[in-house]
PDB file of N, CA and C in Angstrom:
ATOM      1  N   MET A   1       6.668  43.294   0.811  1.00  0.00           N
ATOM      2  CA  MET A   1       7.313  42.042   1.119  1.00  0.00           C
ATOM      3  C   MET A   1       6.450  40.877   0.630  1.00  0.00           C
ATOM      4  N   GLU A   2       7.100  39.911   0.043  1.00  0.00           N
ATOM      5  CA  GLU A   2       6.392  38.753  -0.478  1.00  0.00           C
ATOM      6  C   GLU A   2       6.018  37.790   0.656  1.00  0.00           C
ATOM      7  N   GLN A   3       4.794  37.244   0.564  1.00  0.00           N
ATOM      8  CA  GLN A   3       4.340  36.332   1.600  1.00  0.00           C
ATOM      9  C   GLN A   3       4.991  34.966   1.433  1.00  0.00           C
ATOM     10  N   GLN A   4       5.270  34.318   2.566  1.00  0.00           N
ATOM     11  CA  GLN A   4       5.917  33.018   2.578  1.00  0.00           C
ATOM     12  C   GLN A   4       4.894  31.925   2.877  1.00  0.00           C
ATOM     13  N   LYS A   5       5.320  30.718   2.644  1.00  0.00           N
ATOM     14  CA  LYS A   5       4.497  29.556   2.992  1.00  0.00           C
ATOM     15  C   LYS A   5       4.837  29.129   4.416  1.00  0.00           C
ATOM     16  N   LEU A   6       3.820  28.704   5.153  1.00  0.00           N
ATOM     17  CA  LEU A   6       4.059  28.176   6.491  1.00  0.00           C
ATOM     18  C   LEU A   6       4.794  26.848   6.386  1.00  0.00           C
ATOM     19  N   PRO A   7       5.665  26.541   7.332  1.00  0.00           N
ATOM     20  CA  PRO A   7       6.408  25.279   7.250  1.00  0.00           C
ATOM     21  C   PRO A   7       5.507  24.065   7.467  1.00  0.00           C
ATOM     22  N   ASN A   8       5.856  22.989   6.811  1.00  0.00           N
ATOM     23  CA  ASN A   8       5.223  21.674   6.974  1.00  0.00           C
ATOM     24  C   ASN A   8       3.776  21.598   6.501  1.00  0.00           C
ATOM     25  N   SER A   9       3.319  22.494   5.665  1.00  0.00           N
ATOM     26  CA  SER A   9       1.916  22.463   5.246  1.00  0.00           C
ATOM     27  C   SER A   9       1.595  21.195   4.449  1.00  0.00           C
ATOM     28  N   THR A  10       2.451  20.818   3.527  1.00  0.00           N
ATOM     29  CA  THR A  10       2.221  19.607   2.744  1.00  0.00           C
ATOM     30  C   THR A  10       2.340  18.359   3.620  1.00  0.00           C
ATOM     31  N   LEU A  11       3.304  18.353   4.530  1.00  0.00           N
ATOM     32  CA  LEU A  11       3.493  17.217   5.424  1.00  0.00           C
ATOM     33  C   LEU A  11       2.278  17.020   6.329  1.00  0.00           C
ATOM     34  N   ILE A  12       1.676  18.103   6.777  1.00  0.00           N
ATOM     35  CA  ILE A  12       0.490  18.021   7.627  1.00  0.00           C
ATOM     36  C   ILE A  12      -0.658  17.362   6.877  1.00  0.00           C
ATOM     37  N   ILE A  13      -0.882  17.772   5.653  1.00  0.00           N
ATOM     38  CA  ILE A  13      -1.952  17.189   4.833  1.00  0.00           C
ATOM     39  C   ILE A  13      -1.673  15.700   4.579  1.00  0.00           C
ATOM     40  N   VAL A  14      -0.449  15.380   4.190  1.00  0.00           N
ATOM     41  CA  VAL A  14      -0.099  13.990   3.862  1.00  0.00           C
ATOM     42  C   VAL A  14      -0.239  13.098   5.089  1.00  0.00           C
ATOM     43  N   LEU A  15       0.275  13.532   6.245  1.00  0.00           N
ATOM     44  CA  LEU A  15       0.165  12.728   7.457  1.00  0.00           C
ATOM     45  C   LEU A  15      -1.290  12.592   7.918  1.00  0.00           C
ATOM     46  N   GLY A  16      -2.068  13.650   7.758  1.00  0.00           N
ATOM     47  CA  GLY A  16      -3.481  13.570   8.125  1.00  0.00           C
ATOM     48  C   GLY A  16      -4.238  12.568   7.280  1.00  0.00           C
ATOM     49  N   ILE A  17      -3.998  12.594   5.977  1.00  0.00           N
ATOM     50  CA  ILE A  17      -4.657  11.642   5.077  1.00  0.00           C
ATOM     51  C   ILE A  17      -4.153  10.230   5.333  1.00  0.00           C
ATOM     52  N   PHE A  18      -2.852  10.078   5.542  1.00  0.00           N
ATOM     53  CA  PHE A  18      -2.289   8.758   5.838  1.00  0.00           C
ATOM     54  C   PHE A  18      -2.858   8.208   7.143  1.00  0.00           C
ATOM     55  N   GLY A  19      -3.015   9.068   8.131  1.00  0.00           N
ATOM     56  CA  GLY A  19      -3.624   8.647   9.394  1.00  0.00           C
ATOM     57  C   GLY A  19      -5.065   8.227   9.203  1.00  0.00           C
ATOM     58  N   TYR A  20      -5.777   8.936   8.337  1.00  0.00           N
ATOM     59  CA  TYR A  20      -7.169   8.585   8.038  1.00  0.00           C
ATOM     60  C   TYR A  20      -7.241   7.235   7.342  1.00  0.00           C
ATOM     61  N   LEU A  21      -6.324   6.979   6.413  1.00  0.00           N
ATOM     62  CA  LEU A  21      -6.326   5.705   5.701  1.00  0.00           C
ATOM     63  C   LEU A  21      -5.929   4.541   6.606  1.00  0.00           C
ATOM     64  N   CYS A  22      -5.095   4.805   7.596  1.00  0.00           N
ATOM     65  CA  CYS A  22      -4.612   3.740   8.491  1.00  0.00           C
ATOM     66  C   CYS A  22      -5.467   3.569   9.738  1.00  0.00           C
ATOM     67  N   CYS A  23      -6.528   4.327   9.877  1.00  0.00           N
ATOM     68  CA  CYS A  23      -7.294   4.265  11.130  1.00  0.00           C
ATOM     69  C   CYS A  23      -7.967   2.915  11.335  1.00  0.00           C
ATOM     70  N   CYS A  24      -8.234   2.180  10.296  1.00  0.00           N
ATOM     71  CA  CYS A  24      -8.908   0.891  10.446  1.00  0.00           C
ATOM     72  C   CYS A  24      -7.950  -0.244  10.752  1.00  0.00           C
ATOM     73  N   PHE A  25      -6.656  -0.008  10.692  1.00  0.00           N
ATOM     74  CA  PHE A  25      -5.663  -1.038  10.991  1.00  0.00           C
ATOM     75  C   PHE A  25      -5.322  -1.017  12.474  1.00  0.00           C
ATOM     76  N   ALA A  26      -6.266  -1.463  13.290  1.00  0.00           N
ATOM     77  CA  ALA A  26      -6.105  -1.562  14.744  1.00  0.00           C
ATOM     78  C   ALA A  26      -5.745  -0.220  15.370  1.00  0.00           C
ATOM     79  N   GLY A  27      -6.190   0.859  14.774  1.00  0.00           N
ATOM     80  CA  GLY A  27      -5.955   2.175  15.355  1.00  0.00           C
ATOM     81  C   GLY A  27      -4.572   2.734  15.108  1.00  0.00           C
ATOM     82  N   LEU A  28      -3.820   2.166  14.170  1.00  0.00           N
ATOM     83  CA  LEU A  28      -2.465   2.642  13.910  1.00  0.00           C
ATOM     84  C   LEU A  28      -2.422   4.041  13.314  1.00  0.00           C
ATOM     85  N   GLY A  29      -3.535   4.515  12.800  1.00  0.00           N
ATOM     86  CA  GLY A  29      -3.583   5.857  12.232  1.00  0.00           C
ATOM     87  C   GLY A  29      -3.440   6.950  13.264  1.00  0.00           C
ATOM     88  N   ILE A  30      -3.509   6.593  14.524  1.00  0.00           N
ATOM     89  CA  ILE A  30      -3.393   7.593  15.578  1.00  0.00           C
ATOM     90  C   ILE A  30      -1.990   8.203  15.610  1.00  0.00           C
ATOM     91  N   ILE A  31      -0.988   7.458  15.177  1.00  0.00           N
ATOM     92  CA  ILE A  31       0.392   7.951  15.210  1.00  0.00           C
ATOM     93  C   ILE A  31       0.619   9.070  14.181  1.00  0.00           C
ATOM     94  N   PRO A  32       0.383   8.841  12.886  1.00  0.00           N
ATOM     95  CA  PRO A  32       0.617   9.940  11.941  1.00  0.00           C
ATOM     96  C   PRO A  32      -0.356  11.100  12.115  1.00  0.00           C
ATOM     97  N   SER A  33      -1.582  10.821  12.522  1.00  0.00           N
ATOM     98  CA  SER A  33      -2.537  11.915  12.685  1.00  0.00           C
ATOM     99  C   SER A  33      -2.192  12.783  13.890  1.00  0.00           C
ATOM    100  N   THR A  34      -1.648  12.196  14.944  1.00  0.00           N
ATOM    101  CA  THR A  34      -1.218  12.985  16.093  1.00  0.00           C
ATOM    102  C   THR A  34      -0.035  13.862  15.727  1.00  0.00           C
ATOM    103  N   ILE A  35       0.888  13.330  14.955  1.00  0.00           N
ATOM    104  CA  ILE A  35       2.028  14.123  14.498  1.00  0.00           C
ATOM    105  C   ILE A  35       1.547  15.283  13.634  1.00  0.00           C
ATOM    106  N   ALA A  36       0.608  15.008  12.720  1.00  0.00           N
ATOM    107  CA  ALA A  36       0.072  16.059  11.857  1.00  0.00           C
ATOM    108  C   ALA A  36      -0.647  17.124  12.672  1.00  0.00           C
ATOM    109  N   PHE A  37      -1.407  16.709  13.665  1.00  0.00           N
ATOM    110  CA  PHE A  37      -2.131  17.658  14.511  1.00  0.00           C
ATOM    111  C   PHE A  37      -1.152  18.548  15.280  1.00  0.00           C
ATOM    112  N   TYR A  38      -0.088  17.948  15.815  1.00  0.00           N
ATOM    113  CA  TYR A  38       0.927  18.712  16.546  1.00  0.00           C
ATOM    114  C   TYR A  38       1.614  19.729  15.626  1.00  0.00           C
ATOM    115  N   LEU A  39       1.975  19.294  14.425  1.00  0.00           N
ATOM    116  CA  LEU A  39       2.625  20.201  13.480  1.00  0.00           C
ATOM    117  C   LEU A  39       1.689  21.338  13.064  1.00  0.00           C
ATOM    118  N   ALA A  40       0.395  21.046  12.933  1.00  0.00           N
ATOM    119  CA  ALA A  40      -0.574  22.075  12.566  1.00  0.00           C
ATOM    120  C   ALA A  40      -0.698  23.120  13.672  1.00  0.00           C
ATOM    121  N   ILE A  41      -0.728  22.676  14.914  1.00  0.00           N
ATOM    122  CA  ILE A  41      -0.805  23.623  16.034  1.00  0.00           C
ATOM    123  C   ILE A  41       0.448  24.484  16.071  1.00  0.00           C
ATOM    124  N   LYS A  42       1.595  23.864  15.828  1.00  0.00           N
ATOM    125  CA  LYS A  42       2.859  24.603  15.810  1.00  0.00           C
ATOM    126  C   LYS A  42       2.868  25.657  14.692  1.00  0.00           C
ATOM    127  N   SER A  43       2.370  25.280  13.510  1.00  0.00           N
ATOM    128  CA  SER A  43       2.317  26.219  12.386  1.00  0.00           C
ATOM    129  C   SER A  43       1.319  27.345  12.646  1.00  0.00           C
ATOM    130  N   GLU A  44       0.212  27.040  13.324  1.00  0.00           N
ATOM    131  CA  GLU A  44      -0.750  28.090  13.665  1.00  0.00           C
ATOM    132  C   GLU A  44      -0.143  29.094  14.637  1.00  0.00           C
ATOM    133  N   LYS A  45       0.701  28.631  15.554  1.00  0.00           N
ATOM    134  CA  LYS A  45       1.385  29.550  16.473  1.00  0.00           C
ATOM    135  C   LYS A  45       2.343  30.458  15.717  1.00  0.00           C
ATOM    136  N   ILE A  46       3.050  29.886  14.745  1.00  0.00           N
ATOM    137  CA  ILE A  46       3.952  30.697  13.922  1.00  0.00           C
ATOM    138  C   ILE A  46       3.156  31.740  13.154  1.00  0.00           C
ATOM    139  N   PHE A  47       2.009  31.341  12.618  1.00  0.00           N
ATOM    140  CA  PHE A  47       1.154  32.286  11.891  1.00  0.00           C
ATOM    141  C   PHE A  47       0.627  33.371  12.830  1.00  0.00           C
ATOM    142  N   GLY A  48       0.273  32.996  14.048  1.00  0.00           N
ATOM    143  CA  GLY A  48      -0.256  33.955  15.006  1.00  0.00           C
ATOM    144  C   GLY A  48       0.744  35.024  15.401  1.00  0.00           C
ATOM    145  N   GLU A  49       2.025  34.695  15.383  1.00  0.00           N
ATOM    146  CA  GLU A  49       3.057  35.660  15.730  1.00  0.00           C
ATOM    147  C   GLU A  49       3.229  36.733  14.666  1.00  0.00           C
ATOM    148  N   ASN A  50       3.042  36.365  13.406  1.00  0.00           N
ATOM    149  CA  ASN A  50       3.243  37.317  12.310  1.00  0.00           C
ATOM    150  C   ASN A  50       2.333  36.959  11.145  1.00  0.00           C
ATOM    151  N   PRO A  51       1.021  37.248  11.246  1.00  0.00           N
ATOM    152  CA  PRO A  51       0.065  36.777  10.228  1.00  0.00           C
ATOM    153  C   PRO A  51       0.238  37.384   8.839  1.00  0.00           C
ATOM    154  N   GLU A  52       0.761  38.574   8.747  1.00  0.00           N
ATOM    155  CA  GLU A  52       0.889  39.197   7.420  1.00  0.00           C
ATOM    156  C   GLU A  52       2.047  38.621   6.610  1.00  0.00           C
ATOM    157  N   LEU A  53       2.870  37.817   7.237  1.00  0.00           N
ATOM    158  CA  LEU A  53       4.033  37.250   6.571  1.00  0.00           C
ATOM    159  C   LEU A  53       3.710  35.947   5.827  1.00  0.00           C
ATOM    160  N   TYR A  54       2.606  35.274   6.201  1.00  0.00           N
ATOM    161  CA  TYR A  54       2.291  33.958   5.637  1.00  0.00           C
ATOM    162  C   TYR A  54       0.941  33.981   4.927  1.00  0.00           C
ATOM    163  N   ASP A  55       0.795  33.070   3.952  1.00  0.00           N
ATOM    164  CA  ASP A  55      -0.442  33.082   3.167  1.00  0.00           C
ATOM    165  C   ASP A  55      -1.170  31.745   3.070  1.00  0.00           C
ATOM    166  N   ASN A  56      -0.652  30.668   3.609  1.00  0.00           N
ATOM    167  CA  ASN A  56      -1.304  29.369   3.429  1.00  0.00           C
ATOM    168  C   ASN A  56      -1.898  28.814   4.723  1.00  0.00           C
ATOM    169  N   ILE A  57      -2.509  29.663   5.515  1.00  0.00           N
ATOM    170  CA  ILE A  57      -3.112  29.222   6.776  1.00  0.00           C
ATOM    171  C   ILE A  57      -4.329  28.322   6.524  1.00  0.00           C
ATOM    172  N   LYS A  58      -5.024  28.509   5.415  1.00  0.00           N
ATOM    173  CA  LYS A  58      -6.193  27.662   5.122  1.00  0.00           C
ATOM    174  C   LYS A  58      -5.777  26.214   4.917  1.00  0.00           C
ATOM    175  N   LEU A  59      -4.639  25.994   4.294  1.00  0.00           N
ATOM    176  CA  LEU A  59      -4.134  24.641   4.094  1.00  0.00           C
ATOM    177  C   LEU A  59      -3.782  23.998   5.436  1.00  0.00           C
ATOM    178  N   ILE A  60      -3.204  24.776   6.329  1.00  0.00           N
ATOM    179  CA  ILE A  60      -2.859  24.279   7.661  1.00  0.00           C
ATOM    180  C   ILE A  60      -4.131  23.912   8.430  1.00  0.00           C
ATOM    181  N   LYS A  61      -5.150  24.763   8.361  1.00  0.00           N
ATOM    182  CA  LYS A  61      -6.400  24.490   9.075  1.00  0.00           C
ATOM    183  C   LYS A  61      -7.101  23.258   8.504  1.00  0.00           C
ATOM    184  N   THR A  62      -7.056  23.086   7.194  1.00  0.00           N
ATOM    185  CA  THR A  62      -7.639  21.901   6.570  1.00  0.00           C
ATOM    186  C   THR A  62      -6.913  20.639   7.037  1.00  0.00           C
ATOM    187  N   GLY A  63      -5.593  20.696   7.048  1.00  0.00           N
ATOM    188  CA  GLY A  63      -4.815  19.558   7.523  1.00  0.00           C
ATOM    189  C   GLY A  63      -5.081  19.251   8.982  1.00  0.00           C
ATOM    190  N   LYS A  64      -5.297  20.291   9.778  1.00  0.00           N
ATOM    191  CA  LYS A  64      -5.587  20.094  11.196  1.00  0.00           C
ATOM    192  C   LYS A  64      -6.926  19.387  11.380  1.00  0.00           C
ATOM    193  N   ILE A  65      -7.925  19.763  10.589  1.00  0.00           N
ATOM    194  CA  ILE A  65      -9.239  19.136  10.667  1.00  0.00           C
ATOM    195  C   ILE A  65      -9.169  17.669  10.236  1.00  0.00           C
ATOM    196  N   VAL A  66      -8.459  17.393   9.137  1.00  0.00           N
ATOM    197  CA  VAL A  66      -8.306  16.011   8.669  1.00  0.00           C
ATOM    198  C   VAL A  66      -7.585  15.177   9.726  1.00  0.00           C
ATOM    199  N   ALA A  67      -6.541  15.743  10.333  1.00  0.00           N
ATOM    200  CA  ALA A  67      -5.793  15.021  11.367  1.00  0.00           C
ATOM    201  C   ALA A  67      -6.661  14.763  12.595  1.00  0.00           C
ATOM    202  N   LEU A  68      -7.483  15.730  12.965  1.00  0.00           N
ATOM    203  CA  LEU A  68      -8.358  15.560  14.120  1.00  0.00           C
ATOM    204  C   LEU A  68      -9.385  14.454  13.872  1.00  0.00           C
ATOM    205  N   ILE A  69      -9.968  14.438  12.691  1.00  0.00           N
ATOM    206  CA  ILE A  69     -10.930  13.386  12.342  1.00  0.00           C
ATOM    207  C   ILE A  69     -10.243  12.020  12.354  1.00  0.00           C
ATOM    208  N   ALA A  70      -9.040  11.954  11.787  1.00  0.00           N
ATOM    209  CA  ALA A  70      -8.301  10.687  11.773  1.00  0.00           C
ATOM    210  C   ALA A  70      -7.947  10.245  13.186  1.00  0.00           C
ATOM    211  N   MET A  71      -7.580  11.180  14.056  1.00  0.00           N
ATOM    212  CA  MET A  71      -7.263  10.824  15.442  1.00  0.00           C
ATOM    213  C   MET A  71      -8.481  10.263  16.157  1.00  0.00           C
ATOM    214  N   ILE A  72      -9.625  10.892  15.971  1.00  0.00           N
ATOM    215  CA  ILE A  72     -10.852  10.433  16.629  1.00  0.00           C
ATOM    216  C   ILE A  72     -11.243   9.045  16.136  1.00  0.00           C
ATOM    217  N   LEU A  73     -11.224   8.848  14.812  1.00  0.00           N
ATOM    218  CA  LEU A  73     -11.570   7.536  14.258  1.00  0.00           C
ATOM    219  C   LEU A  73     -10.585   6.460  14.718  1.00  0.00           C
ATOM    220  N   SER A  74      -9.312   6.792  14.731  1.00  0.00           N
ATOM    221  CA  SER A  74      -8.310   5.829  15.175  1.00  0.00           C
ATOM    222  C   SER A  74      -8.489   5.474  16.642  1.00  0.00           C
ATOM    223  N   ALA A  75      -8.805   6.459  17.452  1.00  0.00           N
ATOM    224  CA  ALA A  75      -9.029   6.196  18.876  1.00  0.00           C
ATOM    225  C   ALA A  75     -10.238   5.292  19.080  1.00  0.00           C
ATOM    226  N   ILE A  76     -11.297   5.530  18.324  1.00  0.00           N
ATOM    227  CA  ILE A  76     -12.492   4.688  18.429  1.00  0.00           C
ATOM    228  C   ILE A  76     -12.176   3.254  18.027  1.00  0.00           C
ATOM    229  N   VAL A  77     -11.451   3.073  16.926  1.00  0.00           N
ATOM    230  CA  VAL A  77     -11.084   1.730  16.473  1.00  0.00           C
ATOM    231  C   VAL A  77     -10.166   1.059  17.490  1.00  0.00           C
ATOM    232  N   LEU A  78      -9.219   1.804  18.044  1.00  0.00           N
ATOM    233  CA  LEU A  78      -8.304   1.241  19.039  1.00  0.00           C
ATOM    234  C   LEU A  78      -9.052   0.803  20.290  1.00  0.00           C
ATOM    235  N   ILE A  79      -9.986   1.617  20.746  1.00  0.00           N
ATOM    236  CA  ILE A  79     -10.798   1.255  21.908  1.00  0.00           C
ATOM    237  C   ILE A  79     -11.624   0.007  21.610  1.00  0.00           C
ATOM    238  N   ARG A  80     -12.181  -0.057  20.411  1.00  0.00           N
ATOM    239  CA  ARG A  80     -12.964  -1.236  20.030  1.00  0.00           C
ATOM    240  C   ARG A  80     -12.098  -2.491  20.014  1.00  0.00           C
ATOM    241  N   TRP A  81     -10.888  -2.419  19.459  1.00  0.00           N
ATOM    242  CA  TRP A  81      -9.987  -3.563  19.432  1.00  0.00           C
ATOM    243  C   TRP A  81      -9.641  -4.012  20.845  1.00  0.00           C
ATOM    244  N   ILE A  82      -9.357  -3.065  21.711  1.00  0.00           N
ATOM    245  CA  ILE A  82      -9.036  -3.413  23.099  1.00  0.00           C
ATOM    246  C   ILE A  82     -10.225  -4.096  23.755  1.00  0.00           C
ATOM    247  N   TYR A  83     -11.419  -3.587  23.512  1.00  0.00           N
ATOM    248  CA  TYR A  83     -12.627  -4.185  24.070  1.00  0.00           C
ATOM    249  C   TYR A  83     -12.838  -5.600  23.545  1.00  0.00           C
ATOM    250  N   VAL A  84     -12.706  -5.787  22.245  1.00  0.00           N
ATOM    251  CA  VAL A  84     -12.935  -7.103  21.644  1.00  0.00           C
ATOM    252  C   VAL A  84     -11.918  -8.112  22.168  1.00  0.00           C
ATOM    253  N   ILE A  85     -10.670  -7.712  22.261  1.00  0.00           N
ATOM    254  CA  ILE A  85      -9.645  -8.638  22.733  1.00  0.00           C
ATOM    255  C   ILE A  85      -9.828  -8.954  24.211  1.00  0.00           C
ATOM    256  N   SER A  86     -10.175  -7.947  24.999  1.00  0.00           N
ATOM    257  CA  SER A  86     -10.283  -8.188  26.439  1.00  0.00           C
ATOM    258  C   SER A  86     -11.550  -8.953  26.826  1.00  0.00           C
ATOM    259  N   THR A  87     -12.617  -8.845  26.049  1.00  0.00           N
ATOM    260  CA  THR A  87     -13.854  -9.531  26.397  1.00  0.00           C
ATOM    261  C   THR A  87     -14.074 -10.811  25.604  1.00  0.00           C
ATOM    262  N   GLY A  88     -13.261 -11.037  24.596  1.00  0.00           N
ATOM    263  CA  GLY A  88     -13.451 -12.211  23.759  1.00  0.00           C
ATOM    264  C   GLY A  88     -12.911 -13.468  24.399  1.00  0.00           C
ATOM    265  N   ASP A  89     -13.413 -14.574  23.930  1.00  0.00           N
ATOM    266  CA  ASP A  89     -12.938 -15.866  24.384  1.00  0.00           C
ATOM    267  C   ASP A  89     -11.727 -16.228  23.530  1.00  0.00           C
ATOM    268  N   TRP A  90     -10.543 -15.999  24.060  1.00  0.00           N
ATOM    269  CA  TRP A  90      -9.304 -16.154  23.312  1.00  0.00           C
ATOM    270  C   TRP A  90      -9.108 -17.606  22.857  1.00  0.00           C
ATOM    271  N   ASP A  91      -9.459 -18.561  23.712  1.00  0.00           N
ATOM    272  CA  ASP A  91      -9.292 -19.968  23.348  1.00  0.00           C
ATOM    273  C   ASP A  91     -10.189 -20.344  22.172  1.00  0.00           C
ATOM    274  N   ALA A  92     -11.400 -19.822  22.156  1.00  0.00           N
ATOM    275  CA  ALA A  92     -12.312 -20.116  21.046  1.00  0.00           C
ATOM    276  C   ALA A  92     -11.798 -19.511  19.747  1.00  0.00           C
ATOM    277  N   MET A  93     -11.241 -18.313  19.814  1.00  0.00           N
ATOM    278  CA  MET A  93     -10.686 -17.690  18.610  1.00  0.00           C
ATOM    279  C   MET A  93      -9.499 -18.480  18.079  1.00  0.00           C
ATOM    280  N   MET A  94      -8.640 -18.974  18.974  1.00  0.00           N
ATOM    281  CA  MET A  94      -7.484 -19.753  18.550  1.00  0.00           C
ATOM    282  C   MET A  94      -7.919 -21.085  17.945  1.00  0.00           C
ATOM    283  N   GLU A  95      -8.941 -21.699  18.516  1.00  0.00           N
ATOM    284  CA  GLU A  95      -9.461 -22.958  17.979  1.00  0.00           C
ATOM    285  C   GLU A  95     -10.058 -22.748  16.588  1.00  0.00           C
ATOM    286  N   GLN A  96     -10.750 -21.651  16.416  1.00  0.00           N
ATOM    287  CA  GLN A  96     -11.326 -21.337  15.104  1.00  0.00           C
ATOM    288  C   GLN A  96     -10.215 -21.105  14.084  1.00  0.00           C
ATOM    289  N   SER A  97      -9.167 -20.409  14.472  1.00  0.00           N
ATOM    290  CA  SER A  97      -8.029 -20.186  13.569  1.00  0.00           C
ATOM    291  C   SER A  97      -7.374 -21.505  13.200  1.00  0.00           C
ATOM    292  N   ARG A  98      -7.222 -22.395  14.163  1.00  0.00           N
ATOM    293  CA  ARG A  98      -6.621 -23.694  13.922  1.00  0.00           C
ATOM    294  C   ARG A  98      -7.465 -24.499  12.932  1.00  0.00           C
ATOM    295  N   GLU A  99      -8.791 -24.450  13.077  1.00  0.00           N
ATOM    296  CA  GLU A  99      -9.682 -25.169  12.162  1.00  0.00           C
ATOM    297  C   GLU A  99      -9.579 -24.623  10.745  1.00  0.00           C
ATOM    298  N   ILE A 100      -9.478 -23.323  10.620  1.00  0.00           N
ATOM    299  CA  ILE A 100      -9.346 -22.717   9.288  1.00  0.00           C
ATOM    300  C   ILE A 100      -8.042 -23.145   8.642  1.00  0.00           C
ATOM    301  N   LEU A 101      -6.952 -23.151   9.426  1.00  0.00           N
ATOM    302  CA  LEU A 101      -5.667 -23.580   8.885  1.00  0.00           C
ATOM    303  C   LEU A 101      -5.714 -25.036   8.452  1.00  0.00           C
ATOM    304  N   GLU A 102      -6.360 -25.877   9.234  1.00  0.00           N
ATOM    305  CA  GLU A 102      -6.472 -27.294   8.874  1.00  0.00           C
ATOM    306  C   GLU A 102      -7.334 -27.481   7.636  1.00  0.00           C
ATOM    307  N   GLN A 103      -8.347 -26.636   7.487  1.00  0.00           N
ATOM    308  CA  GLN A 103      -9.233 -26.736   6.330  1.00  0.00           C
ATOM    309  C   GLN A 103      -8.450 -26.472   5.036  1.00  0.00           C
ATOM    310  N   TYR A 104      -7.501 -25.565   5.087  1.00  0.00           N
ATOM    311  CA  TYR A 104      -6.712 -25.254   3.894  1.00  0.00           C
ATOM    312  C   TYR A 104      -5.423 -26.065   3.814  1.00  0.00           C
ATOM    313  N   GLY A 105      -5.266 -27.012   4.723  1.00  0.00           N
ATOM    314  CA  GLY A 105      -4.127 -27.910   4.651  1.00  0.00           C
ATOM    315  C   GLY A 105      -2.837 -27.325   5.171  1.00  0.00           C
ATOM    316  N   ILE A 106      -2.899 -26.331   5.976  1.00  0.00           N
ATOM    317  CA  ILE A 106      -1.699 -25.735   6.548  1.00  0.00           C
ATOM    318  C   ILE A 106      -1.525 -26.280   7.955  1.00  0.00           C
ATOM    319  N   GLU A 107      -0.395 -26.907   8.189  1.00  0.00           N
ATOM    320  CA  GLU A 107      -0.122 -27.485   9.501  1.00  0.00           C
ATOM    321  C   GLU A 107       0.742 -26.535  10.312  1.00  0.00           C
ATOM    322  N   GLU A 108       0.571 -26.591  11.613  1.00  0.00           N
ATOM    323  CA  GLU A 108       1.374 -25.726  12.485  1.00  0.00           C
ATOM    324  C   GLU A 108       2.718 -26.314  12.762  1.00  0.00           C
TER     325      GLU A 108
END
């Protein structure tokens, strides 16, 4: 019997990499990386039920590792953003933004 490919292997890799690339945007990478991690766990369960039927488990494991790294980095960035916003002086930040806008001639 010919071996099959596990489902969603390419999607897991793509979402993991996309999550890694988006991790610096206020932690938004946590969404695609969590989806990739969930799909990887699901594919590993399918492989565990019938391992001789599938041949691309290494790709799934690689995608799972990339997704896990992206999730961790995104969580760290998200926690940092929450900390900065909650401890920062919001009025001072708004005043600084207003000064920058006035410097470039943009009126509110």
